[in-house]
């Protein structure tokens, strides 16, 4: 070993974080994280205050429809995010999304009845879909690719914080009898995000012109997602299965058509990467939806205790993402596969252990599930974003959010159909608990397995370089 190498100080792990914040990137990063917070915290806080909303607006029967409307807006508007950013620029698109979110919050805040409240939630869902997908565009256009794992890790941390803080914040407003104040709070934060976008995003970022709006795929996507979301709250197994099957067919037609999801133009297996996103997201959705109720019934936990046990998944996701964010290139492929394997192990573990497992082992399974996302998603996103030529990067990056949202919608709907078919809608009891657990969580096992297969195929060595060092993802 050369003497100068032997005497050189070891690399400082903080250097990468300092470099990330250099050259004026700190305020831009804060803007991105604020967008993550607005979307994450709003969805989590709203779930907490919905009982108060139902009591005040006589809208208990519409709980499912509030979620279905939000999800439909989330997926469909998010699918148009890339086109919108190409048409009016990233700054204009993010500002429009922020203003729409603020307006949706205001509508829900002033709603005298459930109809206007639902309209506000649909608008919030659409705006959240835009913001979520445009964040991927901002990462692709405003940050060099070598920083993406760390930025993804910080975005994940915001979701982890929101998971802990959201229920507490919602509970404070609900207990004070002021659920409308939640929406005014987030309207204000959305306006702050809008102002930050105006100040920090250059007026001309990315592609200045776009092709035709992909109207036909968007219509198919809208009908398909609406059908899938409705299937999760439909009364009657036959109707639910028909809606889910029809919605899935329309969803596949929309995603495989031209305009929504870009096609691979090089050796990188882009379709496999999107499939991995779609399948793993679908696999992990049911845990947050059904674990609180099942844990309260089986282990006698309070609602708050069950909610914070579920937050173990988010904490593990955040911790894993931060720990591996500085991983070397040789480890990134391994972590993508290890993450997908951990997701599969977590879903299987939760399914098997929910009945009869101790609090500790269920928490361990939840940590495997969340940790799997944290291990893999930053590097998966880095590879997808880095695979695009400049003219494709805006729409291709936004498509990550579209595919993930669609996977989450399908996973939630299928888990709902399986759980309700096992009797969840009529109440938990000793005779149906195991069937409900297997239906809600077991429905995610095939998706998790597909995600693992996708991860293996994505990282398998080939004669062609999948992502050479020095390409745009590592620039």
Protein backbone atom coordinates (compact mmCIF):
# COMPACT_ATOMS: atom_id res chain seq x y z
CA UNK A 1 0.00 0.00 0.00
CA UNK A 2 1.40 3.46 -0.85
CA UNK A 3 2.46 5.45 2.18
CA UNK A 4 0.20 8.35 1.37
CA UNK A 5 -2.81 6.01 1.14
CA UNK A 6 -1.95 4.43 4.44
CA UNK A 7 -1.72 7.81 6.10
CA UNK A 8 -4.88 9.27 4.55
CA UNK A 9 -7.79 9.69 6.96
CA UNK A 10 -10.75 7.31 6.64
CA UNK A 11 -13.73 8.65 4.70
CA UNK A 12 -16.16 10.64 6.79
CA UNK A 13 -19.72 9.37 6.43
CA UNK A 14 -20.97 12.92 7.02
CA UNK A 15 -19.22 14.24 3.93
CA UNK A 16 -21.91 12.91 1.61
CA UNK A 17 -24.63 14.65 3.61
CA UNK A 18 -22.66 17.92 3.66
CA UNK A 19 -22.18 17.72 -0.10
CA UNK A 20 -25.90 17.11 -0.58
CA UNK A 21 -26.67 20.41 1.15
CA UNK A 22 -24.02 22.35 -0.75
CA UNK A 23 -24.38 24.57 -3.83
CA UNK A 24 -27.75 25.91 -2.70
CA UNK A 25 -29.46 22.53 -2.53
CA UNK A 26 -30.45 22.87 1.13
CA UNK A 27 -33.52 25.11 0.58
CA UNK A 28 -34.63 23.02 -2.42
CA UNK A 29 -34.38 19.89 -0.29
CA UNK A 30 -36.47 21.58 2.42
CA UNK A 31 -39.13 22.38 -0.19
CA UNK A 32 -39.24 18.74 -1.34
CA UNK A 33 -39.52 17.51 2.24
CA UNK A 34 -42.35 19.97 2.93
CA UNK A 35 -44.23 18.53 -0.04
CA UNK A 36 -43.71 15.03 1.37
CA UNK A 37 -44.98 16.19 4.77
CA UNK A 38 -48.13 17.82 3.40
CA UNK A 39 -49.15 14.67 1.52
CA UNK A 40 -48.17 12.19 4.24
CA UNK A 41 -49.48 14.00 7.30
CA UNK A 42 -52.78 14.99 5.69
CA UNK A 43 -53.69 11.40 4.86
CA UNK A 44 -52.72 10.12 8.32
CA UNK A 45 -54.36 12.94 10.27
CA UNK A 46 -57.56 12.67 8.26
CA UNK A 47 -57.87 8.97 9.06
CA UNK A 48 -57.79 9.89 12.76
CA UNK A 49 -60.45 12.60 12.59
CA UNK A 50 -62.92 10.77 10.32
CA UNK A 51 -65.09 9.57 13.25
CA UNK A 52 -65.54 13.20 14.29
CA UNK A 53 -66.34 14.17 10.71
CA UNK A 54 -68.91 11.39 10.46
CA UNK A 55 -70.61 12.45 13.70
CA UNK A 56 -70.71 16.12 12.76
CA UNK A 57 -71.82 15.70 9.15
CA UNK A 58 -73.94 12.57 9.60
CA UNK A 59 -71.64 10.81 7.17
CA UNK A 60 -70.65 7.48 8.73
CA UNK A 61 -72.07 5.60 5.76
CA UNK A 62 -69.74 7.51 3.46
CA UNK A 63 -66.42 6.65 5.12
CA UNK A 64 -65.51 4.15 2.43
CA UNK A 65 -66.46 6.53 -0.33
CA UNK A 66 -64.26 9.27 1.12
CA UNK A 67 -61.29 6.91 0.88
CA UNK A 68 -62.30 5.68 -2.58
CA UNK A 69 -62.68 9.24 -3.91
CA UNK A 70 -59.34 10.30 -2.47
CA UNK A 71 -57.60 7.27 -3.98
CA UNK A 72 -59.17 7.79 -7.40
CA UNK A 73 -58.05 11.41 -7.48
CA UNK A 74 -54.59 10.42 -6.20
CA UNK A 75 -53.91 7.92 -8.98
CA UNK A 76 -55.53 9.67 -11.92
CA UNK A 77 -54.15 13.16 -11.31
CA UNK A 78 -50.74 11.71 -10.49
CA UNK A 79 -50.72 9.95 -13.84
CA UNK A 80 -50.97 13.32 -15.58
CA UNK A 81 -48.20 14.91 -13.50
CA UNK A 82 -45.40 14.23 -15.96
CA UNK A 83 -47.36 15.61 -18.90
CA UNK A 84 -48.35 18.69 -16.87
CA UNK A 85 -44.73 19.35 -15.86
CA UNK A 86 -43.67 19.10 -19.49
CA UNK A 87 -46.49 21.41 -20.58
CA UNK A 88 -46.17 24.24 -18.04
CA UNK A 89 -42.85 23.48 -16.38
CA UNK A 90 -42.04 21.95 -13.01
CA UNK A 91 -42.53 25.23 -11.14
CA UNK A 92 -45.96 25.88 -12.65
CA UNK A 93 -47.09 22.29 -12.09
CA UNK A 94 -46.03 22.18 -8.42
CA UNK A 95 -47.60 25.56 -7.72
CA UNK A 96 -50.86 24.45 -9.34
CA UNK A 97 -50.81 21.28 -7.25
CA UNK A 98 -50.17 23.22 -4.05
CA UNK A 99 -53.01 25.65 -4.74
CA UNK A 100 -55.38 22.79 -5.60
CA UNK A 101 -54.48 21.05 -2.34
CA UNK A 102 -55.15 24.22 -0.36
CA UNK A 103 -58.51 24.65 -2.09
CA UNK A 104 -59.47 21.04 -1.40
CA UNK A 105 -58.62 21.48 2.28
CA UNK A 106 -60.66 24.68 2.41
CA UNK A 107 -63.69 22.95 0.87
CA UNK A 108 -63.53 20.17 3.46
CA UNK A 109 -63.06 22.73 6.25
CA UNK A 110 -66.17 24.76 5.38
CA UNK A 111 -68.35 21.82 4.29
CA UNK A 112 -71.86 22.03 5.80
CA UNK A 113 -72.59 18.46 4.74
CA UNK A 114 -70.89 15.30 3.58
CA UNK A 115 -71.23 16.03 -0.16
CA UNK A 116 -68.96 19.09 -0.16
CA UNK A 117 -66.60 17.34 2.25
CA UNK A 118 -66.26 14.45 -0.21
CA UNK A 119 -65.66 16.89 -3.07
CA UNK A 120 -62.87 18.45 -1.05
CA UNK A 121 -61.33 15.04 -0.37
CA UNK A 122 -61.39 14.12 -4.07
CA UNK A 123 -59.64 17.41 -4.89
CA UNK A 124 -57.12 16.79 -2.10
CA UNK A 125 -56.49 13.32 -3.50
CA UNK A 126 -55.87 14.67 -6.98
CA UNK A 127 -53.55 17.38 -5.68
CA UNK A 128 -51.72 14.88 -3.45
CA UNK A 129 -51.21 12.65 -6.49
CA UNK A 130 -49.73 15.55 -8.41
CA UNK A 131 -47.45 16.60 -5.55
CA UNK A 132 -46.29 13.04 -4.90
CA UNK A 133 -45.41 12.38 -8.55
CA UNK A 134 -43.91 15.84 -9.09
CA UNK A 135 -41.58 15.22 -6.16
CA UNK A 136 -40.03 12.41 -8.22
CA UNK A 137 -39.68 14.87 -11.11
CA UNK A 138 -38.03 17.41 -8.81
CA UNK A 139 -35.57 14.79 -7.59
CA UNK A 140 -34.72 13.85 -11.17
CA UNK A 141 -34.26 17.42 -12.39
CA UNK A 142 -32.88 19.29 -9.37
CA UNK A 143 -30.48 16.78 -7.77
CA UNK A 144 -27.49 14.97 -9.30
CA UNK A 145 -28.12 11.24 -9.38
CA UNK A 146 -25.42 10.40 -6.83
CA UNK A 147 -27.46 12.17 -4.14
CA UNK A 148 -30.73 10.35 -4.80
CA UNK A 149 -30.36 7.55 -2.22
CA UNK A 150 -29.84 10.11 0.53
CA UNK A 151 -32.71 12.31 -0.67
CA UNK A 152 -35.01 9.29 -0.88
CA UNK A 153 -33.97 8.37 2.66
CA UNK A 154 -34.87 11.85 3.93
CA UNK A 155 -38.25 11.72 2.18
CA UNK A 156 -38.86 8.39 3.86
CA UNK A 157 -37.95 9.95 7.20
CA UNK A 158 -40.68 12.55 6.71
CA UNK A 159 -43.22 9.77 6.20
CA UNK A 160 -41.92 8.07 9.34
CA UNK A 161 -42.32 11.27 11.35
CA UNK A 162 -45.81 11.76 9.95
CA UNK A 163 -46.74 8.23 10.97
CA UNK A 164 -45.93 9.05 14.57
CA UNK A 165 -47.11 12.65 14.64
CA UNK A 166 -50.21 12.29 12.45
CA UNK A 167 -52.41 10.32 14.87
CA UNK A 168 -51.38 12.56 17.76
CA UNK A 169 -52.12 15.75 15.81
CA UNK A 170 -55.45 14.43 14.58
CA UNK A 171 -56.38 13.27 18.07
CA UNK A 172 -55.65 16.69 19.54
CA UNK A 173 -57.94 18.41 17.04
CA UNK A 174 -60.65 15.75 17.37
CA UNK A 175 -60.60 15.86 21.17
CA UNK A 176 -60.88 19.65 21.02
CA UNK A 177 -63.97 19.32 18.80
CA UNK A 178 -62.25 21.21 15.99
CA UNK A 179 -61.69 18.74 13.14
CA UNK A 180 -62.13 21.58 10.65
CA UNK A 181 -59.00 23.19 12.05
CA UNK A 182 -56.94 20.29 10.67
CA UNK A 183 -57.90 21.20 7.13
CA UNK A 184 -57.20 24.89 7.67
CA UNK A 185 -53.78 23.94 9.05
CA UNK A 186 -52.93 21.91 5.96
CA UNK A 187 -54.36 24.54 3.64
CA UNK A 188 -51.85 26.96 5.15
CA UNK A 189 -49.00 24.48 4.75
CA UNK A 190 -50.00 23.88 1.13
CA UNK A 191 -49.83 27.62 0.47
CA UNK A 192 -46.39 27.72 2.09
CA UNK A 193 -45.31 24.87 -0.21
CA UNK A 194 -46.68 26.78 -3.20
CA UNK A 195 -44.71 29.89 -2.27
CA UNK A 196 -41.54 27.84 -1.77
CA UNK A 197 -41.95 26.31 -5.23
CA UNK A 198 -42.27 29.77 -6.76
CA UNK A 199 -39.08 30.97 -5.08
CA UNK A 200 -36.88 27.88 -5.34
CA UNK A 201 -37.74 26.14 -8.62
CA UNK A 202 -36.26 27.79 -11.72
CA UNK A 203 -38.84 29.13 -14.13
CA UNK A 204 -37.65 26.86 -16.92
CA UNK A 205 -36.77 23.41 -15.65
CA UNK A 206 -36.82 20.30 -17.82
CA UNK A 207 -38.69 19.95 -21.10
CA UNK A 208 -40.62 23.05 -22.21
CA UNK A 209 -43.09 21.32 -24.52
CA UNK A 210 -45.17 18.16 -24.29
CA UNK A 211 -47.07 15.96 -26.65
CA UNK A 212 -50.79 15.36 -26.58
CA UNK A 213 -52.46 14.72 -23.25
CA UNK A 214 -52.85 10.92 -23.04
CA UNK A 215 -56.63 11.30 -22.73
CA UNK A 216 -57.65 7.74 -23.58
CA UNK A 217 -55.27 6.04 -21.10
CA UNK A 218 -56.28 8.57 -18.43
CA UNK A 219 -59.99 7.83 -18.97
CA UNK A 220 -59.30 4.09 -18.76
CA UNK A 221 -57.23 4.65 -15.64
CA UNK A 222 -59.92 6.81 -14.02
CA UNK A 223 -62.66 4.25 -14.61
CA UNK A 224 -60.41 1.36 -13.62
CA UNK A 225 -59.17 2.91 -10.37
CA UNK A 226 -62.68 4.08 -9.47
CA UNK A 227 -63.93 0.53 -9.97
CA UNK A 228 -61.07 -0.94 -7.93
CA UNK A 229 -61.52 1.58 -5.11
CA UNK A 230 -65.28 0.96 -5.08
CA UNK A 231 -64.69 -2.80 -4.96
CA UNK A 232 -62.99 -2.38 -1.60
CA UNK A 233 -66.14 -0.87 -0.05
CA UNK A 234 -68.82 -2.63 -2.12
CA UNK A 235 -71.50 -4.65 -0.38
CA UNK A 236 -71.63 -8.19 -1.71
CA UNK A 237 -68.77 -10.42 -2.79
CA UNK A 238 -70.03 -10.90 -6.34
CA UNK A 239 -70.22 -7.18 -7.07
CA UNK A 240 -66.86 -6.54 -5.41
CA UNK A 241 -65.09 -9.24 -7.42
CA UNK A 242 -66.69 -8.04 -10.67
CA UNK A 243 -65.63 -4.46 -9.98
CA UNK A 244 -62.09 -5.50 -9.07
CA UNK A 245 -61.70 -7.73 -12.14
CA UNK A 246 -63.07 -5.09 -14.50
CA UNK A 247 -61.02 -2.36 -12.87
CA UNK A 248 -57.84 -4.44 -13.07
CA UNK A 249 -58.41 -5.06 -16.79
CA UNK A 250 -58.84 -1.33 -17.40
CA UNK A 251 -55.81 -0.54 -15.22
CA UNK A 252 -53.60 -2.91 -17.21
CA UNK A 253 -54.90 -1.48 -20.50
CA UNK A 254 -54.13 2.06 -19.31
CA UNK A 255 -50.62 1.28 -18.07
CA UNK A 256 -49.70 -0.73 -21.17
CA UNK A 257 -51.09 1.89 -23.54
CA UNK A 258 -49.14 4.83 -24.88
CA UNK A 259 -48.61 7.99 -22.89
CA UNK A 260 -48.80 7.14 -19.18
CA UNK A 261 -45.73 4.98 -18.59
CA UNK A 262 -42.70 5.49 -20.86
CA UNK A 263 -41.16 2.60 -22.73
CA UNK A 264 -37.59 1.49 -22.26
CA UNK A 265 -35.27 2.98 -24.85
CA UNK A 266 -32.09 1.22 -23.74
CA UNK A 267 -30.88 -1.96 -22.06
CA UNK A 268 -32.35 -1.10 -18.66
CA UNK A 269 -35.39 -3.35 -17.92
CA UNK A 270 -37.73 -0.48 -17.14
CA UNK A 271 -40.91 -2.56 -17.26
CA UNK A 272 -39.46 -4.95 -14.67
CA UNK A 273 -38.56 -2.02 -12.42
CA UNK A 274 -42.08 -0.60 -12.59
CA UNK A 275 -43.53 -4.07 -11.95
CA UNK A 276 -41.35 -4.35 -8.85
CA UNK A 277 -42.67 -1.00 -7.60
CA UNK A 278 -46.27 -1.98 -8.36
CA UNK A 279 -46.12 -5.44 -6.79
CA UNK A 280 -44.25 -4.54 -3.61
CA UNK A 281 -46.52 -1.55 -2.95
CA UNK A 282 -49.60 -3.73 -3.45
CA UNK A 283 -48.13 -6.32 -1.08
CA UNK A 284 -47.54 -3.91 1.79
CA UNK A 285 -50.75 -1.88 1.70
CA UNK A 286 -52.99 -4.07 3.84
CA UNK A 287 -50.86 -3.90 6.98
CA UNK A 288 -51.64 -0.28 7.82
CA UNK A 289 -55.31 -0.75 6.91
CA UNK A 290 -56.16 -3.87 8.90
CA UNK A 291 -53.47 -4.47 11.51
CA UNK A 292 -54.80 -1.87 14.01
CA UNK A 293 -58.25 -3.44 14.25
CA UNK A 294 -56.91 -6.99 14.39
CA UNK A 295 -54.32 -6.11 17.03
CA UNK A 296 -56.90 -4.40 19.19
CA UNK A 297 -59.11 -7.48 19.05
CA UNK A 298 -56.42 -10.14 19.53
CA UNK A 299 -54.08 -8.43 22.01
CA UNK A 300 -56.46 -6.02 23.71
CA UNK A 301 -54.50 -2.95 22.68
CA UNK A 302 -55.96 0.52 22.70
CA UNK A 303 -56.42 2.29 19.40
CA UNK A 304 -53.37 4.47 20.08
CA UNK A 305 -51.23 1.49 21.10
CA UNK A 306 -52.21 -0.44 17.99
CA UNK A 307 -51.55 2.56 15.81
CA UNK A 308 -48.07 3.04 17.17
CA UNK A 309 -47.26 -0.64 16.83
CA UNK A 310 -48.19 -0.31 13.18
CA UNK A 311 -45.83 2.68 13.07
CA UNK A 312 -42.99 0.22 13.69
CA UNK A 313 -43.19 -0.51 9.96
CA UNK A 314 -42.59 3.15 9.11
CA UNK A 315 -39.81 3.45 11.68
CA UNK A 316 -38.03 0.40 10.25
CA UNK A 317 -38.45 1.79 6.72
CA UNK A 318 -36.89 5.10 7.79
CA UNK A 319 -34.05 3.53 9.78
CA UNK A 320 -33.10 1.11 7.00
CA UNK A 321 -33.18 3.83 4.35
CA UNK A 322 -30.90 6.10 6.37
CA UNK A 323 -28.45 3.32 7.24
CA UNK A 324 -27.94 2.13 3.65
CA UNK A 325 -28.19 5.51 1.89
CA UNK A 326 -24.42 5.70 1.49
CA UNK A 327 -23.98 2.12 0.26
CA UNK A 328 -21.42 1.55 -2.46
CA UNK A 329 -22.41 0.62 -6.00
CA UNK A 330 -21.55 -3.04 -5.49
CA UNK A 331 -24.06 -3.30 -2.63
CA UNK A 332 -26.98 -1.57 -4.32
CA UNK A 333 -28.12 -4.51 -6.43
CA UNK A 334 -27.87 -6.77 -3.41
CA UNK A 335 -29.95 -4.39 -1.33
CA UNK A 336 -32.69 -4.21 -3.97
CA UNK A 337 -33.03 -8.00 -3.86
CA UNK A 338 -32.62 -8.18 -0.07
CA UNK A 339 -35.31 -5.53 0.36
CA UNK A 340 -37.79 -7.38 -1.82
CA UNK A 341 -37.03 -10.59 0.08
CA UNK A 342 -37.58 -8.80 3.38
CA UNK A 343 -40.96 -7.51 2.16
CA UNK A 344 -42.01 -11.05 1.28
CA UNK A 345 -40.82 -12.33 4.66
CA UNK A 346 -42.68 -9.54 6.44
CA UNK A 347 -45.97 -10.15 4.63
CA UNK A 348 -45.75 -13.90 5.26
CA UNK A 349 -44.79 -13.30 8.88
CA UNK A 350 -47.68 -10.93 9.57
CA UNK A 351 -50.11 -13.38 7.93
CA UNK A 352 -48.90 -16.34 9.98
CA UNK A 353 -48.31 -14.57 13.29
CA UNK A 354 -51.33 -12.30 13.61
CA UNK A 355 -53.23 -15.15 15.27
CA UNK A 356 -51.26 -16.45 18.23
CA UNK A 357 -48.12 -14.40 17.83
CA UNK A 358 -46.82 -12.23 20.64
CA UNK A 359 -46.60 -8.47 20.40
CA UNK A 360 -42.83 -8.72 19.93
CA UNK A 361 -42.88 -11.17 17.03
CA UNK A 362 -45.64 -9.26 15.22
CA UNK A 363 -43.60 -6.10 15.62
CA UNK A 364 -40.57 -7.96 14.22
CA UNK A 365 -42.58 -9.02 11.16
CA UNK A 366 -43.73 -5.42 10.69
CA UNK A 367 -40.10 -4.29 10.90
CA UNK A 368 -39.15 -6.81 8.20
CA UNK A 369 -41.89 -5.43 5.99
CA UNK A 370 -40.98 -1.78 6.45
CA UNK A 371 -37.26 -2.44 6.48
CA UNK A 372 -37.53 -4.14 3.10
CA UNK A 373 -38.86 -0.96 1.53
CA UNK A 374 -36.14 1.07 3.22
CA UNK A 375 -33.37 -1.22 1.98
CA UNK A 376 -34.42 -1.20 -1.65
CA UNK A 377 -36.58 1.73 -2.74
CA UNK A 378 -33.91 4.45 -2.87
CA UNK A 379 -31.67 2.39 -5.15
CA UNK A 380 -34.59 1.18 -7.25
CA UNK A 381 -35.64 4.81 -7.76
CA UNK A 382 -32.08 5.87 -8.53
CA UNK A 383 -31.82 3.25 -11.27
CA UNK A 384 -35.17 4.10 -12.81
CA UNK A 385 -34.49 7.84 -12.88
CA UNK A 386 -30.97 7.28 -14.16
CA UNK A 387 -32.19 5.15 -17.07
CA UNK A 388 -33.95 8.02 -18.87
CA UNK A 389 -32.58 10.32 -21.48
CA UNK A 390 -33.11 14.01 -20.73
CA UNK A 391 -36.23 14.27 -22.88
CA UNK A 392 -37.87 11.32 -21.07
CA UNK A 393 -36.85 12.08 -17.50
CA UNK A 394 -39.83 14.24 -16.50
CA UNK A 395 -42.57 11.82 -17.50
CA UNK A 396 -40.59 8.72 -16.61
CA UNK A 397 -39.83 9.94 -13.09
CA UNK A 398 -43.45 10.94 -12.48
CA UNK A 399 -44.54 7.48 -13.59
CA UNK A 400 -42.89 6.01 -10.48
CA UNK A 401 -45.59 7.63 -8.36
CA UNK A 402 -48.32 6.56 -10.77
CA UNK A 403 -47.28 2.91 -10.66
CA UNK A 404 -46.91 2.91 -6.88
CA UNK A 405 -50.30 4.59 -6.37
CA UNK A 406 -51.97 2.11 -8.71
CA UNK A 407 -50.38 -0.80 -6.87
CA UNK A 408 -51.54 0.57 -3.54
CA UNK A 409 -55.10 0.98 -4.82
CA UNK A 410 -55.23 -2.58 -6.13
CA UNK A 411 -53.65 -4.05 -3.01
CA UNK A 412 -56.08 -2.20 -0.74
CA UNK A 413 -59.09 -3.24 -2.79
CA UNK A 414 -58.16 -6.92 -2.94
CA UNK A 415 -57.39 -6.97 0.78
CA UNK A 416 -60.77 -5.34 1.43
CA UNK A 417 -62.60 -7.88 -0.71
CA UNK A 418 -60.87 -10.79 1.02
CA UNK A 419 -61.35 -9.37 4.52
CA UNK A 420 -65.00 -8.46 3.98
CA UNK A 421 -65.63 -11.85 2.39
CA UNK A 422 -64.32 -13.41 5.60
CA UNK A 423 -66.69 -11.30 7.71
CA UNK A 424 -64.71 -8.18 8.62
CA UNK A 425 -67.65 -5.94 7.72
CA UNK A 426 -69.88 -7.64 10.29
CA UNK A 427 -67.35 -7.50 13.12
CA UNK A 428 -64.38 -9.44 14.42
CA UNK A 429 -64.91 -12.56 16.51
CA UNK A 430 -63.09 -15.77 17.33
CA UNK A 431 -64.67 -17.68 14.46
CA UNK A 432 -63.65 -15.31 11.68
CA UNK A 433 -60.40 -13.79 12.97
CA UNK A 434 -58.03 -16.22 11.25
CA UNK A 435 -59.88 -16.03 7.93
CA UNK A 436 -59.85 -12.24 8.03
CA UNK A 437 -56.13 -12.15 8.81
CA UNK A 438 -55.35 -14.57 6.00
CA UNK A 439 -57.62 -12.70 3.62
CA UNK A 440 -56.32 -9.21 4.38
CA UNK A 441 -52.61 -10.00 4.63
CA UNK A 442 -52.40 -13.25 2.67
CA UNK A 443 -53.74 -11.51 -0.41
CA UNK A 444 -50.44 -9.61 -0.49
CA UNK A 445 -48.22 -12.71 -0.61
CA UNK A 446 -48.50 -13.27 -4.41
CA UNK A 447 -47.68 -9.59 -4.97
CA UNK A 448 -44.66 -9.80 -2.65
CA UNK A 449 -43.44 -12.90 -4.48
CA UNK A 450 -43.84 -11.12 -7.82
CA UNK A 451 -41.88 -8.18 -6.41
CA UNK A 452 -39.02 -10.45 -5.38
CA UNK A 453 -38.91 -12.08 -8.81
CA UNK A 454 -38.91 -8.64 -10.39
CA UNK A 455 -36.03 -7.49 -8.16
CA UNK A 456 -33.96 -10.56 -9.04
CA UNK A 457 -34.57 -10.08 -12.77
CA UNK A 458 -33.82 -6.37 -12.48
CA UNK A 459 -30.42 -6.91 -10.90
CA UNK A 460 -29.37 -10.03 -12.76
CA UNK A 461 -26.07 -9.51 -14.60
CA UNK A 462 -26.39 -9.29 -18.36
CA UNK A 463 -23.97 -8.81 -21.27
CA UNK A 464 -25.25 -5.24 -21.55
CA UNK A 465 -24.63 -2.76 -18.75
CA UNK A 466 -27.80 -2.08 -16.88
CA UNK A 467 -26.45 1.10 -15.36
CA UNK A 468 -22.85 1.95 -15.88
CA UNK A 469 -21.03 4.03 -13.30
CA UNK A 470 -20.82 7.55 -14.54
CA UNK A 471 -24.23 7.47 -16.21
CA UNK A 472 -26.88 10.02 -15.28
CA UNK A 473 -27.86 8.17 -12.14
CA UNK A 474 -24.44 8.57 -10.66
CA UNK A 475 -23.61 11.94 -12.12
